[in-house]
Amino acid sequence: MTDNPSDFSEHELFVTEFPKQGYGIVDYLQGRVHFALLDQMKLMHTSGMTREQIKETILTRVSEIIENFEPEKDSKSS
């Protein structure tokens, strides 16, 4: 990923900010994921992908994230 200033308008077009006030942490995180997926689908659709291609791509990526998730072990001692 790059921080190219010329990409700013594209970011403005495709990145929806989730409001930070008035939500518990679980609702806030779920809202961010929801908005991120919608933004990604909007960009994919604009780039010419079909609904089925979008679905397949997103489900593949989410499955990879879940399969590679390794939670940190609790380091507290009893």
PDB file of N, CA and C in Angstrom:
ATOM      1  N   MET A   1       0.835  -1.185   0.000  1.00  0.00           N
ATOM      2  CA  MET A   1       0.000   0.000   0.000  1.00  0.00           C
ATOM      3  C   MET A   1       0.878   1.244   0.000  1.00  0.00           C
ATOM      4  N   THR A   2       0.414   2.250  -0.702  1.00  0.00           N
ATOM      5  CA  THR A   2       1.176   3.483  -0.756  1.00  0.00           C
ATOM      6  C   THR A   2       0.322   4.634  -0.264  1.00  0.00           C
ATOM      7  N   ASP A   3       1.002   5.667   0.177  1.00  0.00           N
ATOM      8  CA  ASP A   3       0.321   6.880   0.616  1.00  0.00           C
ATOM      9  C   ASP A   3       0.524   7.968  -0.432  1.00  0.00           C
ATOM     10  N   ASN A   4       0.111   7.707  -1.641  1.00  0.00           N
ATOM     11  CA  ASN A   4       0.265   8.642  -2.730  1.00  0.00           C
ATOM     12  C   ASN A   4      -0.824   9.702  -2.637  1.00  0.00           C
ATOM     13  N   PRO A   5      -0.459  10.989  -2.498  1.00  0.00           N
ATOM     14  CA  PRO A   5      -1.466  12.046  -2.380  1.00  0.00           C
ATOM     15  C   PRO A   5      -2.435  12.098  -3.556  1.00  0.00           C
ATOM     16  N   SER A   6      -2.001  11.664  -4.733  1.00  0.00           N
ATOM     17  CA  SER A   6      -2.899  11.702  -5.885  1.00  0.00           C
ATOM     18  C   SER A   6      -4.032  10.677  -5.762  1.00  0.00           C
ATOM     19  N   ASP A   7      -3.886   9.700  -4.860  1.00  0.00           N
ATOM     20  CA  ASP A   7      -4.921   8.699  -4.635  1.00  0.00           C
ATOM     21  C   ASP A   7      -5.996   9.189  -3.669  1.00  0.00           C
ATOM     22  N   PHE A   8      -5.830  10.382  -3.098  1.00  0.00           N
ATOM     23  CA  PHE A   8      -6.737  10.865  -2.063  1.00  0.00           C
ATOM     24  C   PHE A   8      -8.179  10.914  -2.538  1.00  0.00           C
ATOM     25  N   SER A   9      -8.422  11.412  -3.739  1.00  0.00           N
ATOM     26  CA  SER A   9      -9.796  11.519  -4.224  1.00  0.00           C
ATOM     27  C   SER A   9     -10.426  10.140  -4.399  1.00  0.00           C
ATOM     28  N   GLU A  10      -9.644   9.152  -4.797  1.00  0.00           N
ATOM     29  CA  GLU A  10     -10.160   7.795  -4.931  1.00  0.00           C
ATOM     30  C   GLU A  10     -10.520   7.236  -3.554  1.00  0.00           C
ATOM     31  N   HIS A  11      -9.700   7.522  -2.553  1.00  0.00           N
ATOM     32  CA  HIS A  11     -10.017   7.090  -1.201  1.00  0.00           C
ATOM     33  C   HIS A  11     -11.313   7.740  -0.732  1.00  0.00           C
ATOM     34  N   GLU A  12     -11.450   9.023  -1.014  1.00  0.00           N
ATOM     35  CA  GLU A  12     -12.668   9.736  -0.632  1.00  0.00           C
ATOM     36  C   GLU A  12     -13.895   9.094  -1.275  1.00  0.00           C
ATOM     37  N   LEU A  13     -13.734   8.620  -2.491  1.00  0.00           N
ATOM     38  CA  LEU A  13     -14.842   8.036  -3.237  1.00  0.00           C
ATOM     39  C   LEU A  13     -15.250   6.669  -2.695  1.00  0.00           C
ATOM     40  N   PHE A  14     -14.286   5.883  -2.208  1.00  0.00           N
ATOM     41  CA  PHE A  14     -14.572   4.501  -1.868  1.00  0.00           C
ATOM     42  C   PHE A  14     -14.441   4.136  -0.390  1.00  0.00           C
ATOM     43  N   VAL A  15     -14.067   5.061   0.488  1.00  0.00           N
ATOM     44  CA  VAL A  15     -13.888   4.714   1.898  1.00  0.00           C
ATOM     45  C   VAL A  15     -14.913   5.461   2.748  1.00  0.00           C
ATOM     46  N   THR A  16     -15.810   4.700   3.354  1.00  0.00           N
ATOM     47  CA  THR A  16     -16.828   5.254   4.228  1.00  0.00           C
ATOM     48  C   THR A  16     -16.349   5.168   5.667  1.00  0.00           C
ATOM     49  N   GLU A  17     -16.364   6.283   6.374  1.00  0.00           N
ATOM     50  CA  GLU A  17     -15.949   6.294   7.774  1.00  0.00           C
ATOM     51  C   GLU A  17     -17.109   5.850   8.659  1.00  0.00           C
ATOM     52  N   PHE A  18     -16.804   5.010   9.625  1.00  0.00           N
ATOM     53  CA  PHE A  18     -17.816   4.587  10.590  1.00  0.00           C
ATOM     54  C   PHE A  18     -17.759   5.529  11.779  1.00  0.00           C
ATOM     55  N   PRO A  19     -18.905   6.024  12.254  1.00  0.00           N
ATOM     56  CA  PRO A  19     -18.892   6.963  13.387  1.00  0.00           C
ATOM     57  C   PRO A  19     -18.327   6.314  14.650  1.00  0.00           C
ATOM     58  N   LYS A  20     -17.538   7.069  15.405  1.00  0.00           N
ATOM     59  CA  LYS A  20     -16.868   6.522  16.585  1.00  0.00           C
ATOM     60  C   LYS A  20     -17.683   6.701  17.864  1.00  0.00           C
ATOM     61  N   GLN A  21     -18.617   7.600  17.863  1.00  0.00           N
ATOM     62  CA  GLN A  21     -19.379   7.905  19.078  1.00  0.00           C
ATOM     63  C   GLN A  21     -20.657   7.077  19.168  1.00  0.00           C
ATOM     64  N   GLY A  22     -20.994   6.683  20.389  1.00  0.00           N
ATOM     65  CA  GLY A  22     -22.281   6.051  20.641  1.00  0.00           C
ATOM     66  C   GLY A  22     -22.357   4.555  20.406  1.00  0.00           C
ATOM     67  N   TYR A  23     -21.229   3.886  20.233  1.00  0.00           N
ATOM     68  CA  TYR A  23     -21.229   2.450  19.984  1.00  0.00           C
ATOM     69  C   TYR A  23     -20.305   1.742  20.954  1.00  0.00           C
ATOM     70  N   GLY A  24     -20.713   0.543  21.385  1.00  0.00           N
ATOM     71  CA  GLY A  24     -19.829  -0.316  22.162  1.00  0.00           C
ATOM     72  C   GLY A  24     -18.768  -0.876  21.231  1.00  0.00           C
ATOM     73  N   ILE A  25     -17.725  -1.452  21.801  1.00  0.00           N
ATOM     74  CA  ILE A  25     -16.594  -1.929  21.002  1.00  0.00           C
ATOM     75  C   ILE A  25     -17.012  -2.998  19.991  1.00  0.00           C
ATOM     76  N   VAL A  26     -17.876  -3.923  20.384  1.00  0.00           N
ATOM     77  CA  VAL A  26     -18.300  -4.986  19.453  1.00  0.00           C
ATOM     78  C   VAL A  26     -19.083  -4.388  18.287  1.00  0.00           C
ATOM     79  N   ASP A  27     -20.044  -3.516  18.584  1.00  0.00           N
ATOM     80  CA  ASP A  27     -20.827  -2.882  17.526  1.00  0.00           C
ATOM     81  C   ASP A  27     -19.947  -2.014  16.634  1.00  0.00           C
ATOM     82  N   TYR A  28     -18.990  -1.312  17.230  1.00  0.00           N
ATOM     83  CA  TYR A  28     -18.084  -0.458  16.469  1.00  0.00           C
ATOM     84  C   TYR A  28     -17.245  -1.285  15.494  1.00  0.00           C
ATOM     85  N   LEU A  29     -16.664  -2.382  15.977  1.00  0.00           N
ATOM     86  CA  LEU A  29     -15.841  -3.234  15.109  1.00  0.00           C
ATOM     87  C   LEU A  29     -16.673  -3.877  14.006  1.00  0.00           C
ATOM     88  N   GLN A  30     -17.872  -4.356  14.352  1.00  0.00           N
ATOM     89  CA  GLN A  30     -18.741  -4.956  13.337  1.00  0.00           C
ATOM     90  C   GLN A  30     -19.151  -3.921  12.296  1.00  0.00           C
ATOM     91  N   GLY A  31     -19.416  -2.711  12.729  1.00  0.00           N
ATOM     92  CA  GLY A  31     -19.774  -1.637  11.806  1.00  0.00           C
ATOM     93  C   GLY A  31     -18.644  -1.301  10.855  1.00  0.00           C
ATOM     94  N   ARG A  32     -17.418  -1.256  11.365  1.00  0.00           N
ATOM     95  CA  ARG A  32     -16.254  -0.989  10.513  1.00  0.00           C
ATOM     96  C   ARG A  32     -16.080  -2.078   9.460  1.00  0.00           C
ATOM     97  N   VAL A  33     -16.258  -3.343   9.875  1.00  0.00           N
ATOM     98  CA  VAL A  33     -16.143  -4.457   8.922  1.00  0.00           C
ATOM     99  C   VAL A  33     -17.242  -4.350   7.865  1.00  0.00           C
ATOM    100  N   HIS A  34     -18.452  -4.066   8.306  1.00  0.00           N
ATOM    101  CA  HIS A  34     -19.587  -3.941   7.392  1.00  0.00           C
ATOM    102  C   HIS A  34     -19.323  -2.847   6.353  1.00  0.00           C
ATOM    103  N   PHE A  35     -18.911  -1.666   6.816  1.00  0.00           N
ATOM    104  CA  PHE A  35     -18.644  -0.564   5.894  1.00  0.00           C
ATOM    105  C   PHE A  35     -17.489  -0.899   4.965  1.00  0.00           C
ATOM    106  N   ALA A  36     -16.453  -1.556   5.486  1.00  0.00           N
ATOM    107  CA  ALA A  36     -15.297  -1.916   4.660  1.00  0.00           C
ATOM    108  C   ALA A  36     -15.707  -2.883   3.545  1.00  0.00           C
ATOM    109  N   LEU A  37     -16.539  -3.855   3.880  1.00  0.00           N
ATOM    110  CA  LEU A  37     -17.012  -4.802   2.859  1.00  0.00           C
ATOM    111  C   LEU A  37     -17.868  -4.099   1.801  1.00  0.00           C
ATOM    112  N   LEU A  38     -18.747  -3.216   2.240  1.00  0.00           N
ATOM    113  CA  LEU A  38     -19.569  -2.486   1.276  1.00  0.00           C
ATOM    114  C   LEU A  38     -18.702  -1.618   0.362  1.00  0.00           C
ATOM    115  N   ASP A  39     -17.706  -0.948   0.940  1.00  0.00           N
ATOM    116  CA  ASP A  39     -16.802  -0.126   0.141  1.00  0.00           C
ATOM    117  C   ASP A  39     -16.036  -0.979  -0.862  1.00  0.00           C
ATOM    118  N   GLN A  40     -15.560  -2.136  -0.414  1.00  0.00           N
ATOM    119  CA  GLN A  40     -14.814  -3.020  -1.300  1.00  0.00           C
ATOM    120  C   GLN A  40     -15.709  -3.522  -2.428  1.00  0.00           C
ATOM    121  N   MET A  41     -16.938  -3.903  -2.101  1.00  0.00           N
ATOM    122  CA  MET A  41     -17.862  -4.387  -3.133  1.00  0.00           C
ATOM    123  C   MET A  41     -18.191  -3.288  -4.141  1.00  0.00           C
ATOM    124  N   LYS A  42     -18.344  -2.052  -3.660  1.00  0.00           N
ATOM    125  CA  LYS A  42     -18.620  -0.932  -4.559  1.00  0.00           C
ATOM    126  C   LYS A  42     -17.450  -0.737  -5.526  1.00  0.00           C
ATOM    127  N   LEU A  43     -16.224  -0.793  -5.022  1.00  0.00           N
ATOM    128  CA  LEU A  43     -15.045  -0.646  -5.871  1.00  0.00           C
ATOM    129  C   LEU A  43     -14.942  -1.798  -6.869  1.00  0.00           C
ATOM    130  N   MET A  44     -15.174  -3.018  -6.405  1.00  0.00           N
ATOM    131  CA  MET A  44     -15.097  -4.189  -7.277  1.00  0.00           C
ATOM    132  C   MET A  44     -16.153  -4.100  -8.382  1.00  0.00           C
ATOM    133  N   HIS A  45     -17.351  -3.680  -8.034  1.00  0.00           N
ATOM    134  CA  HIS A  45     -18.428  -3.527  -9.020  1.00  0.00           C
ATOM    135  C   HIS A  45     -18.054  -2.464 -10.054  1.00  0.00           C
ATOM    136  N   THR A  46     -17.506  -1.346  -9.566  1.00  0.00           N
ATOM    137  CA  THR A  46     -17.096  -0.266 -10.455  1.00  0.00           C
ATOM    138  C   THR A  46     -15.986  -0.719 -11.404  1.00  0.00           C
ATOM    139  N   SER A  47     -15.147  -1.644 -10.946  1.00  0.00           N
ATOM    140  CA  SER A  47     -14.054  -2.123 -11.789  1.00  0.00           C
ATOM    141  C   SER A  47     -14.518  -3.176 -12.800  1.00  0.00           C
ATOM    142  N   GLY A  48     -15.807  -3.529 -12.755  1.00  0.00           N
ATOM    143  CA  GLY A  48     -16.355  -4.427 -13.761  1.00  0.00           C
ATOM    144  C   GLY A  48     -16.576  -5.861 -13.314  1.00  0.00           C
ATOM    145  N   MET A  49     -16.347  -6.153 -12.049  1.00  0.00           N
ATOM    146  CA  MET A  49     -16.557  -7.519 -11.567  1.00  0.00           C
ATOM    147  C   MET A  49     -18.051  -7.808 -11.447  1.00  0.00           C
ATOM    148  N   THR A  50     -18.417  -9.056 -11.699  1.00  0.00           N
ATOM    149  CA  THR A  50     -19.815  -9.464 -11.540  1.00  0.00           C
ATOM    150  C   THR A  50     -20.102  -9.723 -10.067  1.00  0.00           C
ATOM    151  N   ARG A  51     -21.366  -9.809  -9.762  1.00  0.00           N
ATOM    152  CA  ARG A  51     -21.787 -10.082  -8.389  1.00  0.00           C
ATOM    153  C   ARG A  51     -21.191 -11.403  -7.886  1.00  0.00           C
ATOM    154  N   GLU A  52     -21.189 -12.414  -8.748  1.00  0.00           N
ATOM    155  CA  GLU A  52     -20.646 -13.725  -8.371  1.00  0.00           C
ATOM    156  C   GLU A  52     -19.130 -13.654  -8.147  1.00  0.00           C
ATOM    157  N   GLN A  53     -18.408 -12.911  -8.984  1.00  0.00           N
ATOM    158  CA  GLN A  53     -16.957 -12.746  -8.799  1.00  0.00           C
ATOM    159  C   GLN A  53     -16.659 -12.024  -7.491  1.00  0.00           C
ATOM    160  N   ILE A  54     -17.447 -11.009  -7.196  1.00  0.00           N
ATOM    161  CA  ILE A  54     -17.271 -10.260  -5.945  1.00  0.00           C
ATOM    162  C   ILE A  54     -17.478 -11.189  -4.756  1.00  0.00           C
ATOM    163  N   LYS A  55     -18.560 -11.944  -4.781  1.00  0.00           N
ATOM    164  CA  LYS A  55     -18.878 -12.877  -3.694  1.00  0.00           C
ATOM    165  C   LYS A  55     -17.754 -13.882  -3.503  1.00  0.00           C
ATOM    166  N   GLU A  56     -17.312 -14.501  -4.587  1.00  0.00           N
ATOM    167  CA  GLU A  56     -16.268 -15.521  -4.511  1.00  0.00           C
ATOM    168  C   GLU A  56     -14.955 -14.940  -3.969  1.00  0.00           C
ATOM    169  N   THR A  57     -14.584 -13.763  -4.448  1.00  0.00           N
ATOM    170  CA  THR A  57     -13.342 -13.131  -4.006  1.00  0.00           C
ATOM    171  C   THR A  57     -13.383 -12.789  -2.517  1.00  0.00           C
ATOM    172  N   ILE A  58     -14.467 -12.191  -2.084  1.00  0.00           N
ATOM    173  CA  ILE A  58     -14.567 -11.787  -0.671  1.00  0.00           C
ATOM    174  C   ILE A  58     -14.626 -13.004   0.237  1.00  0.00           C
ATOM    175  N   LEU A  59     -15.418 -14.004  -0.122  1.00  0.00           N
ATOM    176  CA  LEU A  59     -15.502 -15.202   0.721  1.00  0.00           C
ATOM    177  C   LEU A  59     -14.158 -15.926   0.801  1.00  0.00           C
ATOM    178  N   THR A  60     -13.416 -15.944  -0.296  1.00  0.00           N
ATOM    179  CA  THR A  60     -12.088 -16.562  -0.285  1.00  0.00           C
ATOM    180  C   THR A  60     -11.164 -15.820   0.668  1.00  0.00           C
ATOM    181  N   ARG A  61     -11.154 -14.479   0.586  1.00  0.00           N
ATOM    182  CA  ARG A  61     -10.275 -13.671   1.441  1.00  0.00           C
ATOM    183  C   ARG A  61     -10.650 -13.809   2.923  1.00  0.00           C
ATOM    184  N   VAL A  62     -11.934 -13.766   3.220  1.00  0.00           N
ATOM    185  CA  VAL A  62     -12.377 -13.890   4.613  1.00  0.00           C
ATOM    186  C   VAL A  62     -12.044 -15.279   5.148  1.00  0.00           C
ATOM    187  N   SER A  63     -12.225 -16.303   4.338  1.00  0.00           N
ATOM    188  CA  SER A  63     -11.873 -17.665   4.758  1.00  0.00           C
ATOM    189  C   SER A  63     -10.388 -17.776   5.060  1.00  0.00           C
ATOM    190  N   GLU A  64      -9.549 -17.159   4.226  1.00  0.00           N
ATOM    191  CA  GLU A  64      -8.105 -17.175   4.470  1.00  0.00           C
ATOM    192  C   GLU A  64      -7.755 -16.477   5.777  1.00  0.00           C
ATOM    193  N   ILE A  65      -8.390 -15.353   6.049  1.00  0.00           N
ATOM    194  CA  ILE A  65      -8.137 -14.615   7.293  1.00  0.00           C
ATOM    195  C   ILE A  65      -8.495 -15.481   8.493  1.00  0.00           C
ATOM    196  N   ILE A  66      -9.654 -16.124   8.446  1.00  0.00           N
ATOM    197  CA  ILE A  66     -10.100 -16.963   9.564  1.00  0.00           C
ATOM    198  C   ILE A  66      -9.187 -18.170   9.735  1.00  0.00           C
ATOM    199  N   GLU A  67      -8.830 -18.812   8.636  1.00  0.00           N
ATOM    200  CA  GLU A  67      -7.964 -19.992   8.713  1.00  0.00           C
ATOM    201  C   GLU A  67      -6.574 -19.664   9.245  1.00  0.00           C
ATOM    202  N   ASN A  68      -6.088 -18.469   8.983  1.00  0.00           N
ATOM    203  CA  ASN A  68      -4.749 -18.075   9.428  1.00  0.00           C
ATOM    204  C   ASN A  68      -4.734 -17.391  10.793  1.00  0.00           C
ATOM    205  N   PHE A  69      -5.901 -17.215  11.390  1.00  0.00           N
ATOM    206  CA  PHE A  69      -5.979 -16.545  12.688  1.00  0.00           C
ATOM    207  C   PHE A  69      -5.438 -17.455  13.784  1.00  0.00           C
ATOM    208  N   GLU A  70      -4.487 -16.933  14.524  1.00  0.00           N
ATOM    209  CA  GLU A  70      -3.930 -17.642  15.672  1.00  0.00           C
ATOM    210  C   GLU A  70      -3.965 -16.701  16.869  1.00  0.00           C
ATOM    211  N   PRO A  71      -4.960 -16.858  17.732  1.00  0.00           N
ATOM    212  CA  PRO A  71      -5.056 -15.946  18.874  1.00  0.00           C
ATOM    213  C   PRO A  71      -3.854 -16.088  19.789  1.00  0.00           C
ATOM    214  N   GLU A  72      -3.492 -14.948  20.375  1.00  0.00           N
ATOM    215  CA  GLU A  72      -2.369 -14.965  21.316  1.00  0.00           C
ATOM    216  C   GLU A  72      -2.788 -15.764  22.556  1.00  0.00           C
ATOM    217  N   LYS A  73      -1.852 -16.511  23.081  1.00  0.00           N
ATOM    218  CA  LYS A  73      -2.136 -17.293  24.286  1.00  0.00           C
ATOM    219  C   LYS A  73      -2.151 -16.364  25.491  1.00  0.00           C
ATOM    220  N   ASP A  74      -3.039 -16.647  26.408  1.00  0.00           N
ATOM    221  CA  ASP A  74      -3.147 -15.848  27.628  1.00  0.00           C
ATOM    222  C   ASP A  74      -1.866 -15.998  28.436  1.00  0.00           C
ATOM    223  N   SER A  75      -1.197 -14.890  28.730  1.00  0.00           N
ATOM    224  CA  SER A  75       0.079 -14.946  29.435  1.00  0.00           C
ATOM    225  C   SER A  75      -0.064 -14.758  30.946  1.00  0.00           C
ATOM    226  N   LYS A  76      -1.317 -14.651  31.427  1.00  0.00           N
ATOM    227  CA  LYS A  76      -1.533 -14.489  32.867  1.00  0.00           C
ATOM    228  C   LYS A  76      -1.264 -15.805  33.568  1.00  0.00           C
ATOM    229  N   SER A  77      -0.595 -15.727  34.709  1.00  0.00           N
ATOM    230  CA  SER A  77      -0.338 -16.942  35.479  1.00  0.00           C
ATOM    231  C   SER A  77      -1.281 -17.002  36.669  1.00  0.00           C
ATOM    232  N   SER A  78      -1.667 -18.210  37.081  1.00  0.00           N
ATOM    233  CA  SER A  78      -2.616 -18.386  38.189  1.00  0.00           C
ATOM    234  C   SER A  78      -1.890 -18.435  39.508  1.00  0.00           C
TER     235      SER A  78
END
